[in-house]
């Protein structure tokens, strides 16, 4: 593990880009899910998360969570159709669709 620090300035909306060398070191890619945990008063842990542990045999719970989040963000009949469509896909296709939706959402919210 490298003790060298990389500094970034927090933007006015509380955003910061995870440096490329950090993303490369832990294998982060576009569309990955990231968690944040407070470790101490001045320290937080950022971790790349797996969407599901057994995606090849059962649909990921992330699809339900994703649709719930979409529903809360914009309540519409479209959320039910989206859920039905996503759950009709194979687990691998669900994972790919969820990653694409999350990546697109992240890009669009960053532009605002």
C-alpha atoms as a PDB file:
ATOM      1  CA  UNK A   1       0.000   0.000   0.000  1.00  0.00           C
ATOM      2  CA  UNK A   2       1.275   3.440  -0.966  1.00  0.00           C
ATOM      3  CA  UNK A   3       1.372   6.179   1.725  1.00  0.00           C
ATOM      4  CA  UNK A   4       1.697   8.954  -0.852  1.00  0.00           C
ATOM      5  CA  UNK A   5      -1.214  11.418  -0.703  1.00  0.00           C
ATOM      6  CA  UNK A   6      -3.104  12.894  -3.629  1.00  0.00           C
ATOM      7  CA  UNK A   7      -4.915  16.129  -2.814  1.00  0.00           C
ATOM      8  CA  UNK A   8      -8.116  17.447  -4.389  1.00  0.00           C
ATOM      9  CA  UNK A   9     -10.245  20.504  -3.585  1.00  0.00           C
ATOM     10  CA  UNK A  10     -13.888  19.923  -2.626  1.00  0.00           C
ATOM     11  CA  UNK A  11     -16.180  21.827  -4.998  1.00  0.00           C
ATOM     12  CA  UNK A  12     -18.987  24.176  -3.972  1.00  0.00           C
ATOM     13  CA  UNK A  13     -21.563  21.376  -4.319  1.00  0.00           C
ATOM     14  CA  UNK A  14     -19.494  18.993  -2.197  1.00  0.00           C
ATOM     15  CA  UNK A  15     -18.090  17.096  -5.162  1.00  0.00           C
ATOM     16  CA  UNK A  16     -14.608  15.781  -5.741  1.00  0.00           C
ATOM     17  CA  UNK A  17     -13.224  13.532  -8.460  1.00  0.00           C
ATOM     18  CA  UNK A  18     -11.566  10.337  -7.289  1.00  0.00           C
ATOM     19  CA  UNK A  19      -8.083  10.586  -8.834  1.00  0.00           C
ATOM     20  CA  UNK A  20      -7.340   8.249 -11.748  1.00  0.00           C
ATOM     21  CA  UNK A  21      -4.382   6.667  -9.951  1.00  0.00           C
ATOM     22  CA  UNK A  22      -6.645   5.774  -6.996  1.00  0.00           C
ATOM     23  CA  UNK A  23      -9.352   4.369  -9.302  1.00  0.00           C
ATOM     24  CA  UNK A  24      -6.743   2.312 -11.144  1.00  0.00           C
ATOM     25  CA  UNK A  25      -5.168   1.035  -7.920  1.00  0.00           C
ATOM     26  CA  UNK A  26      -8.455  -0.394  -6.613  1.00  0.00           C
ATOM     27  CA  UNK A  27      -9.948  -1.356  -9.960  1.00  0.00           C
ATOM     28  CA  UNK A  28     -12.736   1.239 -10.129  1.00  0.00           C
ATOM     29  CA  UNK A  29     -14.526   1.722 -13.436  1.00  0.00           C
ATOM     30  CA  UNK A  30     -17.366   3.832 -14.787  1.00  0.00           C
ATOM     31  CA  UNK A  31     -20.673   2.661 -13.351  1.00  0.00           C
ATOM     32  CA  UNK A  32     -19.200   1.127 -10.185  1.00  0.00           C
ATOM     33  CA  UNK A  33     -21.150   1.560  -6.954  1.00  0.00           C
ATOM     34  CA  UNK A  34     -19.182   3.378  -4.253  1.00  0.00           C
ATOM     35  CA  UNK A  35     -19.903   3.452  -0.508  1.00  0.00           C
ATOM     36  CA  UNK A  36     -18.767   6.006   2.052  1.00  0.00           C
ATOM     37  CA  UNK A  37     -18.249   5.328   5.762  1.00  0.00           C
ATOM     38  CA  UNK A  38     -17.083   7.740   8.470  1.00  0.00           C
ATOM     39  CA  UNK A  39     -14.093   6.210  10.252  1.00  0.00           C
ATOM     40  CA  UNK A  40     -13.282   9.064  12.640  1.00  0.00           C
ATOM     41  CA  UNK A  41     -13.851  12.796  13.026  1.00  0.00           C
ATOM     42  CA  UNK A  42     -11.552  13.624  10.105  1.00  0.00           C
ATOM     43  CA  UNK A  43     -11.417  10.367   8.159  1.00  0.00           C
ATOM     44  CA  UNK A  44     -13.808   8.580   5.779  1.00  0.00           C
ATOM     45  CA  UNK A  45     -13.492   5.308   3.886  1.00  0.00           C
ATOM     46  CA  UNK A  46     -14.455   5.164   0.203  1.00  0.00           C
ATOM     47  CA  UNK A  47     -14.986   1.639  -1.086  1.00  0.00           C
ATOM     48  CA  UNK A  48     -15.887   0.082  -4.451  1.00  0.00           C
ATOM     49  CA  UNK A  49     -18.872  -2.197  -3.761  1.00  0.00           C
ATOM     50  CA  UNK A  50     -20.162  -5.272  -5.520  1.00  0.00           C
ATOM     51  CA  UNK A  51     -23.781  -4.917  -6.618  1.00  0.00           C
ATOM     52  CA  UNK A  52     -24.432  -8.570  -5.852  1.00  0.00           C
ATOM     53  CA  UNK A  53     -22.441 -11.605  -4.773  1.00  0.00           C
ATOM     54  CA  UNK A  54     -24.309 -14.209  -6.801  1.00  0.00           C
ATOM     55  CA  UNK A  55     -25.479 -12.388  -9.942  1.00  0.00           C
ATOM     56  CA  UNK A  56     -25.266 -15.461 -12.129  1.00  0.00           C
ATOM     57  CA  UNK A  57     -28.048 -17.331 -10.322  1.00  0.00           C
ATOM     58  CA  UNK A  58     -30.370 -14.754  -8.786  1.00  0.00           C
ATOM     59  CA  UNK A  59     -31.490 -11.244  -9.810  1.00  0.00           C
ATOM     60  CA  UNK A  60     -29.573  -8.572  -7.934  1.00  0.00           C
ATOM     61  CA  UNK A  61     -31.421  -6.759  -5.162  1.00  0.00           C
ATOM     62  CA  UNK A  62     -29.878  -3.594  -6.628  1.00  0.00           C
ATOM     63  CA  UNK A  63     -32.549  -3.561  -9.373  1.00  0.00           C
ATOM     64  CA  UNK A  64     -35.301  -3.154  -6.764  1.00  0.00           C
ATOM     65  CA  UNK A  65     -33.303  -0.473  -4.963  1.00  0.00           C
ATOM     66  CA  UNK A  66     -32.594   1.324  -8.233  1.00  0.00           C
ATOM     67  CA  UNK A  67     -36.256   1.391  -9.219  1.00  0.00           C
ATOM     68  CA  UNK A  68     -37.259   2.544  -5.727  1.00  0.00           C
ATOM     69  CA  UNK A  69     -34.761   5.389  -5.968  1.00  0.00           C
ATOM     70  CA  UNK A  70     -36.085   6.321  -9.419  1.00  0.00           C
ATOM     71  CA  UNK A  71     -39.640   6.259  -8.052  1.00  0.00           C
ATOM     72  CA  UNK A  72     -38.745   8.562  -5.155  1.00  0.00           C
ATOM     73  CA  UNK A  73     -36.880  10.921  -7.470  1.00  0.00           C
ATOM     74  CA  UNK A  74     -39.727  11.139  -9.977  1.00  0.00           C
ATOM     75  CA  UNK A  75     -42.997   9.459  -9.064  1.00  0.00           C
ATOM     76  CA  UNK A  76     -44.648   8.195 -12.251  1.00  0.00           C
ATOM     77  CA  UNK A  77     -46.277   5.095 -13.781  1.00  0.00           C
ATOM     78  CA  UNK A  78     -43.047   4.696 -15.717  1.00  0.00           C
ATOM     79  CA  UNK A  79     -41.298   3.351 -12.601  1.00  0.00           C
ATOM     80  CA  UNK A  80     -43.523   0.229 -12.591  1.00  0.00           C
ATOM     81  CA  UNK A  81     -42.868  -0.366 -16.302  1.00  0.00           C
ATOM     82  CA  UNK A  82     -39.157   0.126 -15.688  1.00  0.00           C
ATOM     83  CA  UNK A  83     -39.224  -2.416 -12.867  1.00  0.00           C
ATOM     84  CA  UNK A  84     -41.086  -4.943 -15.022  1.00  0.00           C
ATOM     85  CA  UNK A  85     -38.641  -4.449 -17.883  1.00  0.00           C
ATOM     86  CA  UNK A  86     -35.531  -4.736 -15.707  1.00  0.00           C
ATOM     87  CA  UNK A  87     -36.775  -7.851 -13.918  1.00  0.00           C
ATOM     88  CA  UNK A  88     -37.523  -9.500 -17.274  1.00  0.00           C
ATOM     89  CA  UNK A  89     -33.810  -9.355 -18.165  1.00  0.00           C
ATOM     90  CA  UNK A  90     -31.258 -12.014 -17.307  1.00  0.00           C
ATOM     91  CA  UNK A  91     -29.164 -11.307 -14.173  1.00  0.00           C
ATOM     92  CA  UNK A  92     -26.161 -10.351 -16.332  1.00  0.00           C
ATOM     93  CA  UNK A  93     -28.310  -7.971 -18.401  1.00  0.00           C
ATOM     94  CA  UNK A  94     -29.789  -6.500 -15.201  1.00  0.00           C
ATOM     95  CA  UNK A  95     -26.321  -5.828 -13.870  1.00  0.00           C
ATOM     96  CA  UNK A  96     -25.264  -4.191 -17.140  1.00  0.00           C
ATOM     97  CA  UNK A  97     -28.457  -2.079 -17.259  1.00  0.00           C
ATOM     98  CA  UNK A  98     -28.084  -0.982 -13.633  1.00  0.00           C
ATOM     99  CA  UNK A  99     -24.458   0.015 -14.188  1.00  0.00           C
ATOM    100  CA  UNK A 100     -25.418   2.012 -17.312  1.00  0.00           C
ATOM    101  CA  UNK A 101     -28.325   3.758 -15.565  1.00  0.00           C
ATOM    102  CA  UNK A 102     -26.154   4.657 -12.582  1.00  0.00           C
ATOM    103  CA  UNK A 103     -23.322   5.922 -14.804  1.00  0.00           C
ATOM    104  CA  UNK A 104     -25.721   8.001 -16.947  1.00  0.00           C
ATOM    105  CA  UNK A 105     -27.405   9.414 -13.847  1.00  0.00           C
ATOM    106  CA  UNK A 106     -24.020  10.307 -12.342  1.00  0.00           C
ATOM    107  CA  UNK A 107     -22.939  12.055 -15.547  1.00  0.00           C
ATOM    108  CA  UNK A 108     -26.206  13.997 -15.854  1.00  0.00           C
ATOM    109  CA  UNK A 109     -26.278  15.030 -12.184  1.00  0.00           C
ATOM    110  CA  UNK A 110     -22.664  16.195 -12.450  1.00  0.00           C
ATOM    111  CA  UNK A 111     -23.576  18.496 -15.368  1.00  0.00           C
ATOM    112  CA  UNK A 112     -26.313  20.282 -13.371  1.00  0.00           C
END
